[in-house]
Protein backbone atom coordinates (compact mmCIF):
# COMPACT_ATOMS: atom_id res chain seq x y z
CA UNK A 1 -11.01 -36.41 -5.51
CA UNK A 2 -7.20 -35.61 -4.92
CA UNK A 3 -5.58 -38.98 -6.14
CA UNK A 4 -2.73 -40.24 -3.38
CA UNK A 5 0.66 -41.52 -5.21
CA UNK A 6 2.67 -43.84 -3.37
CA UNK A 7 5.90 -42.32 -2.29
CA UNK A 8 7.87 -45.05 -4.20
CA UNK A 9 6.33 -43.70 -7.52
CA UNK A 10 7.16 -40.27 -6.36
CA UNK A 11 10.76 -41.50 -5.45
CA UNK A 12 11.41 -43.74 -8.35
CA UNK A 13 10.36 -40.42 -11.05
CA UNK A 14 12.66 -38.33 -9.04
CA UNK A 15 15.42 -40.32 -9.46
CA UNK A 16 14.95 -41.71 -12.96
CA UNK A 17 14.16 -44.81 -12.06
CA UNK A 18 12.07 -47.55 -13.94
CA UNK A 19 8.47 -46.63 -13.16
CA UNK A 20 5.67 -49.07 -11.96
CA UNK A 21 3.70 -51.17 -14.79
CA UNK A 22 0.80 -49.18 -13.72
CA UNK A 23 2.30 -45.70 -14.71
CA UNK A 24 3.69 -44.13 -17.64
CA UNK A 25 5.95 -41.16 -17.65
CA UNK A 26 3.27 -39.17 -19.78
CA UNK A 27 0.33 -40.08 -17.48
CA UNK A 28 2.55 -38.78 -14.34
CA UNK A 29 3.53 -35.33 -15.69
CA UNK A 30 0.02 -34.90 -16.90
CA UNK A 31 -0.97 -35.30 -13.08
CA UNK A 32 -1.46 -31.95 -11.16
CA UNK A 33 -1.47 -34.03 -8.04
CA UNK A 34 1.68 -36.03 -8.77
CA UNK A 35 3.75 -33.12 -10.03
CA UNK A 36 2.82 -31.14 -7.04
CA UNK A 37 3.87 -34.21 -4.80
CA UNK A 38 7.22 -34.05 -6.84
CA UNK A 39 7.82 -30.22 -6.33
CA UNK A 40 6.58 -30.57 -2.37
CA UNK A 41 9.28 -33.42 -2.14
CA UNK A 42 12.35 -31.84 -4.02
CA UNK A 43 11.71 -27.93 -3.79
CA UNK A 44 13.18 -28.55 -7.20
CA UNK A 45 11.86 -25.63 -9.27
CA UNK A 46 13.19 -27.24 -12.51
CA UNK A 47 10.49 -30.07 -12.03
CA UNK A 48 8.13 -27.69 -12.82
CA UNK A 49 9.11 -27.60 -16.73
CA UNK A 50 8.32 -31.24 -16.69
CA UNK A 51 4.92 -30.89 -16.33
CA UNK A 52 2.42 -31.19 -19.18
CA UNK A 53 0.60 -27.78 -20.35
CA UNK A 54 -2.59 -28.74 -18.78
CA UNK A 55 -0.57 -28.92 -15.21
CA UNK A 56 0.50 -25.24 -15.72
CA UNK A 57 -2.84 -24.42 -16.45
CA UNK A 58 -4.37 -26.12 -13.32
CA UNK A 59 -5.31 -23.45 -10.84
CA UNK A 60 -4.51 -25.37 -7.59
CA UNK A 61 -1.42 -26.62 -8.75
CA UNK A 62 -0.28 -23.09 -9.84
CA UNK A 63 -1.55 -21.60 -6.60
CA UNK A 64 0.32 -24.35 -4.51
CA UNK A 65 3.64 -23.64 -6.62
CA UNK A 66 3.33 -20.07 -5.87
CA UNK A 67 3.02 -20.82 -2.35
CA UNK A 68 5.71 -23.12 -2.20
CA UNK A 69 8.28 -20.77 -4.40
CA UNK A 70 6.92 -17.38 -3.17
CA UNK A 71 10.49 -16.61 -2.22
CA UNK A 72 11.64 -16.94 -5.67
CA UNK A 73 10.37 -14.09 -7.39
CA UNK A 74 11.18 -14.46 -11.08
CA UNK A 75 10.15 -18.37 -10.87
CA UNK A 76 6.50 -17.63 -9.54
CA UNK A 77 6.44 -14.57 -12.07
CA UNK A 78 6.79 -17.08 -14.82
CA UNK A 79 4.33 -19.70 -13.37
CA UNK A 80 1.74 -16.94 -12.91
CA UNK A 81 2.21 -15.60 -16.25
CA UNK A 82 1.91 -19.22 -17.96
CA UNK A 83 -1.25 -19.61 -15.97
CA UNK A 84 -2.88 -16.38 -16.86
CA UNK A 85 -2.21 -17.01 -20.65
CA UNK A 86 -4.82 -19.88 -20.22
CA UNK A 87 -7.72 -17.84 -18.56
CA UNK A 88 -9.65 -14.81 -19.40
CA UNK A 89 -8.39 -11.93 -17.66
CA UNK A 90 -11.84 -11.32 -15.78
CA UNK A 91 -11.84 -14.85 -14.50
CA UNK A 92 -12.07 -15.40 -11.01
CA UNK A 93 -8.73 -17.67 -10.72
CA UNK A 94 -7.08 -14.92 -12.93
CA UNK A 95 -7.90 -12.49 -10.28
CA UNK A 96 -6.93 -14.51 -7.36
CA UNK A 97 -3.51 -15.54 -8.77
CA UNK A 98 -3.00 -11.50 -9.67
CA UNK A 99 -3.66 -11.00 -5.96
CA UNK A 100 -1.76 -13.74 -4.63
CA UNK A 101 1.23 -12.39 -6.35
CA UNK A 102 0.47 -8.69 -5.42
CA UNK A 103 0.47 -9.84 -1.96
CA UNK A 104 3.91 -11.34 -2.11
CA UNK A 105 5.13 -7.93 -3.93
CA UNK A 106 3.59 -6.00 -0.85
CA UNK A 107 5.17 -8.38 1.64
CA UNK A 108 8.53 -8.52 -0.06
CA UNK A 109 8.74 -4.84 -1.37
CA UNK A 110 9.78 -6.31 -4.64
CA UNK A 111 9.09 -3.65 -7.40
CA UNK A 112 9.36 -6.16 -10.14
CA UNK A 113 6.05 -7.41 -9.29
CA UNK A 114 4.38 -4.18 -9.67
CA UNK A 115 2.42 -5.43 -12.79
CA UNK A 116 0.62 -7.76 -10.52
CA UNK A 117 -0.02 -5.34 -7.87
CA UNK A 118 -1.70 -2.78 -10.54
CA UNK A 119 -3.67 -5.24 -12.02
CA UNK A 120 -5.18 -6.14 -8.45
CA UNK A 121 -5.67 -2.89 -7.16
CA UNK A 122 -7.24 -1.82 -10.74
CA UNK A 123 -9.65 -4.72 -10.35
CA UNK A 124 -10.38 -3.50 -6.78
CA UNK A 125 -10.62 0.02 -7.98
CA UNK A 126 -13.02 -0.57 -10.81
CA UNK A 127 -15.31 -2.59 -8.05
CA UNK A 128 -15.31 -0.05 -5.63
CA UNK A 129 -16.14 2.72 -8.25
CA UNK A 130 -19.03 0.27 -9.60
CA UNK A 131 -20.14 -0.15 -6.14
CA UNK A 132 -19.91 3.46 -4.89
CA UNK A 133 -22.35 4.31 -8.12
CA UNK A 134 -24.76 1.40 -6.96
CA UNK A 135 -24.68 3.19 -3.07
CA UNK A 136 -24.94 6.68 -4.53
CA UNK A 137 -27.95 5.56 -6.50
CA UNK A 138 -29.77 3.92 -3.38
CA UNK A 139 -32.84 6.05 -2.75
CA UNK A 140 -33.15 5.10 0.98
CA UNK A 141 -30.63 6.44 3.31
CA UNK A 142 -30.82 3.53 5.45
CA UNK A 143 -29.81 1.38 2.37
CA UNK A 144 -26.82 3.79 1.89
CA UNK A 145 -25.94 3.44 5.63
CA UNK A 146 -26.30 -0.58 5.17
CA UNK A 147 -23.92 -0.74 2.40
CA UNK A 148 -21.48 1.40 4.00
CA UNK A 149 -18.16 1.40 1.84
CA UNK A 150 -19.50 -1.57 -0.36
CA UNK A 151 -18.00 -4.44 1.35
CA UNK A 152 -21.23 -6.47 1.40
CA UNK A 153 -21.55 -5.86 -2.45
CA UNK A 154 -17.93 -7.32 -2.85
CA UNK A 155 -18.78 -10.51 -0.76
CA UNK A 156 -22.33 -10.78 -2.57
CA UNK A 157 -20.22 -11.12 -6.06
CA UNK A 158 -17.02 -12.93 -4.60
CA UNK A 159 -18.24 -14.82 -1.46
CA UNK A 160 -16.59 -17.98 -3.13
CA UNK A 161 -13.26 -16.32 -3.02
CA UNK A 162 -11.54 -16.32 0.45
CA UNK A 163 -8.40 -14.85 -1.20
CA UNK A 164 -10.23 -11.82 -3.02
CA UNK A 165 -12.58 -11.00 -0.11
CA UNK A 166 -9.27 -10.89 2.49
CA UNK A 167 -7.67 -8.51 -0.23
CA UNK A 168 -10.69 -6.20 -0.25
CA UNK A 169 -10.94 -6.20 3.19
CA UNK A 170 -7.14 -5.21 3.63
CA UNK A 171 -7.62 -2.45 1.32
CA UNK A 172 -10.73 -1.07 2.67
CA UNK A 173 -8.87 -1.11 6.25
CA UNK A 174 -6.04 0.87 4.41
CA UNK A 175 -8.61 3.37 3.41
CA UNK A 176 -10.34 3.81 6.86
CA UNK A 177 -7.00 3.71 8.63
CA UNK A 178 -4.43 5.52 6.54
CA UNK A 179 -6.66 7.82 4.40
CA UNK A 180 -10.03 8.71 5.98
CA UNK A 181 -8.24 10.49 8.59
CA UNK A 182 -5.77 12.40 6.50
CA UNK A 183 -3.04 9.55 6.88
CA UNK A 184 -2.37 10.03 10.11
CA UNK A 185 -3.43 6.90 12.47
CA UNK A 186 -1.21 8.26 15.31
CA UNK A 187 -2.80 11.67 15.26
CA UNK A 188 -6.45 9.91 15.13
CA UNK A 189 -5.32 7.38 18.26
CA UNK A 190 -4.38 10.66 20.24
CA UNK A 191 -7.95 12.36 19.29
CA UNK A 192 -9.54 8.98 20.62
CA UNK A 193 -7.42 8.51 23.74
CA UNK A 194 -6.10 11.32 25.78
CA UNK A 195 -3.99 9.32 28.04
CA UNK A 196 -1.76 6.27 27.40
CA UNK A 197 -3.47 4.42 30.08
CA UNK A 198 -6.75 4.79 28.47
CA UNK A 199 -5.46 2.63 25.56
CA UNK A 200 -4.96 -0.75 26.74
CA UNK A 201 -4.20 -4.08 24.49
CA UNK A 202 -7.42 -5.31 25.76
CA UNK A 203 -9.26 -2.55 24.05
CA UNK A 204 -7.49 -2.83 20.71
CA UNK A 205 -9.30 -5.09 18.97
CA UNK A 206 -12.69 -3.67 20.21
CA UNK A 207 -11.91 -0.16 19.49
CA UNK A 208 -10.58 -1.25 15.87
CA UNK A 209 -13.49 -3.22 14.96
CA UNK A 210 -16.07 -0.59 16.55
CA UNK A 211 -14.45 2.30 14.42
CA UNK A 212 -14.65 0.10 11.12
CA UNK A 213 -18.21 -0.22 12.02
CA UNK A 214 -18.62 3.47 11.51
CA UNK A 215 -17.50 2.97 8.00
CA UNK A 216 -19.00 -0.71 6.95
CA UNK A 217 -21.00 -2.80 9.42
CA UNK A 218 -20.22 -5.87 7.08
CA UNK A 219 -16.60 -5.33 6.71
CA UNK A 220 -16.52 -4.97 10.69
CA UNK A 221 -18.39 -8.11 11.00
CA UNK A 222 -15.85 -10.03 8.43
CA UNK A 223 -12.83 -8.54 10.62
CA UNK A 224 -14.19 -9.78 13.84
CA UNK A 225 -13.90 -13.32 12.32
CA UNK A 226 -10.64 -12.62 10.72
CA UNK A 227 -8.62 -10.65 13.27
CA UNK A 228 -5.18 -11.17 11.80
CA UNK A 229 -6.50 -8.74 9.19
CA UNK A 230 -5.56 -6.26 12.03
CA UNK A 231 -2.07 -7.78 12.65
CA UNK A 232 -0.41 -4.61 10.56
CA UNK A 233 -2.45 -1.90 12.19
CA UNK A 234 -1.96 -3.05 15.89
CA UNK A 235 2.07 -3.30 15.08
CA UNK A 236 1.75 0.52 13.86
CA UNK A 237 -0.11 1.13 17.24
CA UNK A 238 2.43 -0.30 19.11
CA UNK A 239 5.02 2.21 17.61
CA UNK A 240 2.45 4.79 18.43
CA UNK A 241 2.01 3.77 21.87
CA UNK A 242 6.01 3.60 22.33
CA UNK A 243 6.26 7.20 21.24
CA UNK A 244 3.04 8.69 22.97
CA UNK A 245 4.52 10.81 25.25
CA UNK A 246 6.94 12.19 22.68
CA UNK A 247 4.12 12.93 20.31
CA UNK A 248 2.53 14.76 22.97
CA UNK A 249 5.46 16.74 23.93
CA UNK A 250 6.37 17.64 20.37
CA UNK A 251 2.76 18.55 19.77
CA UNK A 252 2.79 21.27 22.72
CA UNK A 253 5.96 22.35 21.80
CA UNK A 254 4.48 23.20 18.50
CA UNK A 255 1.50 24.64 19.97
CA UNK A 256 3.56 26.67 22.24
CA UNK A 257 5.57 28.03 19.41
CA UNK A 258 2.57 28.94 17.31
CA UNK A 259 0.98 30.61 20.08
CA UNK A 260 3.98 32.83 20.75
CA UNK A 261 4.22 33.65 16.84
CA UNK A 262 0.59 34.60 16.92
CA UNK A 263 0.38 36.20 19.96
CA UNK A 264 3.55 38.43 19.16
CA UNK A 265 2.13 39.82 16.05
CA UNK A 266 -0.89 40.77 17.82
CA UNK A 267 1.01 42.25 20.54
CA UNK A 268 3.19 44.53 18.31
CA UNK A 269 0.32 45.97 16.56
CA UNK A 270 -2.29 46.25 19.47
CA UNK A 271 -0.42 45.83 23.09
CA UNK A 272 3.39 46.06 23.03
CA UNK A 273 3.09 46.37 26.86
CA UNK A 274 2.53 42.54 27.20
CA UNK A 275 4.43 39.56 26.66
CA UNK A 276 3.34 36.22 24.87
CA UNK A 277 4.50 34.21 27.47
CA UNK A 278 2.88 35.89 30.59
CA UNK A 279 -0.32 35.84 28.55
CA UNK A 280 0.09 32.07 27.73
CA UNK A 281 0.20 31.55 31.38
CA UNK A 282 -2.61 33.36 31.91
CA UNK A 283 -4.62 31.97 29.42
CA UNK A 284 -3.87 28.45 30.39
CA UNK A 285 -4.36 28.83 33.97
CA UNK A 286 -7.89 30.55 33.35
CA UNK A 287 -8.78 27.75 30.89
CA UNK A 288 -7.51 25.17 33.74
CA UNK A 289 -5.59 23.39 31.04
CA UNK A 290 -3.46 20.78 32.65
CA UNK A 291 0.37 20.37 32.45
CA UNK A 292 2.12 21.54 29.40
CA UNK A 293 5.45 20.17 28.51
CA UNK A 294 8.77 21.75 29.67
CA UNK A 295 10.57 24.27 27.24
CA UNK A 296 14.06 23.81 26.23
CA UNK A 297 15.04 26.19 28.95
CA UNK A 298 13.75 23.87 31.28
CA UNK A 299 10.99 26.04 32.44
CA UNK A 300 7.34 24.49 32.84
CA UNK A 301 3.90 25.91 32.00
CA UNK A 302 2.49 23.08 34.32
CA UNK A 303 0.21 23.89 37.25
CA UNK A 304 2.98 24.46 39.50
CA UNK A 305 4.76 26.90 37.21
CA UNK A 306 2.45 29.25 35.24
CA UNK A 307 2.86 31.53 38.33
CA UNK A 308 5.98 32.32 37.12
CA UNK A 309 4.85 33.48 33.88
CA UNK A 310 1.68 35.49 35.39
CA UNK A 311 3.38 37.31 38.17
CA UNK A 312 4.12 40.44 36.36
CA UNK A 313 0.44 40.52 34.81
CA UNK A 314 -0.95 39.72 38.27
CA UNK A 315 1.12 42.84 39.72
CA UNK A 316 -0.24 45.02 37.07
CA UNK A 317 -3.62 44.08 37.55
CA UNK A 318 -3.09 45.13 41.42
CA UNK A 319 -1.95 48.27 40.86
CA UNK A 320 -4.62 49.74 38.07
CA UNK A 321 -7.38 48.74 36.07
CA UNK A 322 -6.61 47.27 32.88
CA UNK A 323 -7.10 49.40 29.51
CA UNK A 324 -9.51 48.26 26.84
CA UNK A 325 -6.52 47.66 24.90
CA UNK A 326 -5.00 45.20 27.49
CA UNK A 327 -8.43 43.50 28.29
CA UNK A 328 -8.59 42.87 24.45
CA UNK A 329 -5.15 41.36 24.34
CA UNK A 330 -6.19 38.91 27.38
CA UNK A 331 -9.22 38.13 25.21
CA UNK A 332 -7.25 37.15 22.05
CA UNK A 333 -4.96 35.39 24.36
CA UNK A 334 -7.65 33.29 25.78
CA UNK A 335 -9.32 32.70 22.06
CA UNK A 336 -5.83 31.40 20.80
CA UNK A 337 -5.10 29.11 23.64
CA UNK A 338 -8.50 27.42 23.24
CA UNK A 339 -8.18 27.33 19.42
CA UNK A 340 -4.39 25.57 20.01
CA UNK A 341 -4.67 23.55 23.48
CA UNK A 342 -8.52 22.72 23.65
CA UNK A 343 -8.81 20.12 20.78
CA UNK A 344 -6.76 17.45 19.47
CA UNK A 345 -5.31 18.89 16.38
CA UNK A 346 -3.21 21.94 15.25
CA UNK A 347 -4.87 23.71 12.49
CA UNK A 348 -2.39 26.10 11.36
CA UNK A 349 -3.08 28.53 8.62
CA UNK A 350 -1.17 26.99 5.72
CA UNK A 351 -0.06 30.18 4.43
CA UNK A 352 1.68 30.96 7.77
CA UNK A 353 3.34 27.23 8.47
CA UNK A 354 4.85 24.75 6.29
CA UNK A 355 3.85 21.06 7.24
CA UNK A 356 6.59 18.32 6.89
CA UNK A 357 4.98 14.61 6.65
CA UNK A 358 7.40 11.71 7.89
CA UNK A 359 6.58 8.51 7.22
CA UNK A 360 6.66 5.66 9.76
CA UNK A 361 9.33 2.75 9.66
CA UNK A 362 6.77 0.93 7.87
CA UNK A 363 5.53 3.46 5.69
CA UNK A 364 1.77 3.27 6.62
CA UNK A 365 1.44 6.03 9.04
CA UNK A 366 2.35 9.81 8.41
CA UNK A 367 3.75 12.18 11.17
CA UNK A 368 2.81 15.59 10.80
CA UNK A 369 4.90 18.41 12.06
CA UNK A 370 4.20 22.15 11.66
CA UNK A 371 7.03 24.50 10.96
CA UNK A 372 6.74 28.51 11.23
CA UNK A 373 7.95 30.41 8.15
CA UNK A 374 10.33 32.71 9.00
CA UNK A 375 9.04 36.43 8.55
CA UNK A 376 11.07 38.51 6.24
């Protein structure tokens, strides 16, 4: 039971006054509850050094001090190191202290704490590898599906530690949303929602929880009861929503550029009578693909302007039957248009296109752009 000390005793100790006869200086400095009260009252880290060794090795005292002074990186580093000397490295409290410091390192982007981040990540990676082996060796498919990514196994072993569970959950969410989909949360959302109006704030939680369930039903259930774990992902989503139409425009510009480059190669070899843009207009209309963005020349390939590009081709078709070579060119244009414009991702041949990845402001998502290599 936590011992409550009278405020007079606390202030007498702080001010160096004579102590009540019921307490000795040694007794107070050996009490984790008392010394924590002193630190909470004074916010003076120097008081920590007055503590008895047993106090510095008390888990509740240490984690509370880390929370109080989390902005003082050098100090909490010393506090953590002092505690970790007193417990085995695989002790659950040692793991929790490492995780707490690792989370502060992530929040502050302070690389001086990298050793704690590495230890926390190493612990989780080891457990995930062990769990992956357990899942792989499961003989029944339904067992593998039930275990998913292994959150159930982590909860089974560390269910008493909310700190470890939350850390494991966050890292598994990173795996799902930032690595399982080639690191492009933005691309994934555009794959799921074709219009911004389809993706309302009311749907975000259900969408995210439902998506998590595809990978791990137990993780999904945990997150549903700890929605704050989704906060950073939802902030990223707000950025994605903000640039929704810019992304669509940029993607269509890349698709048009790729189409023109590929079609020009084909036409130069097989059918120089046609122009790439008129074939693009023909294919978009034939496939009934709705509005594609305006080009730099302010010409549009939307429904109302496709005719501008297809008119020469229409006139040609009225004058005579197309040759087999010309028909083949039309089919190639339709095929290439389907590949580029029907579907959600550009899938260029990596031998023909360079790819540049740009991190988002928080560095969690990557926006991929494809650039055409110059033909020599």
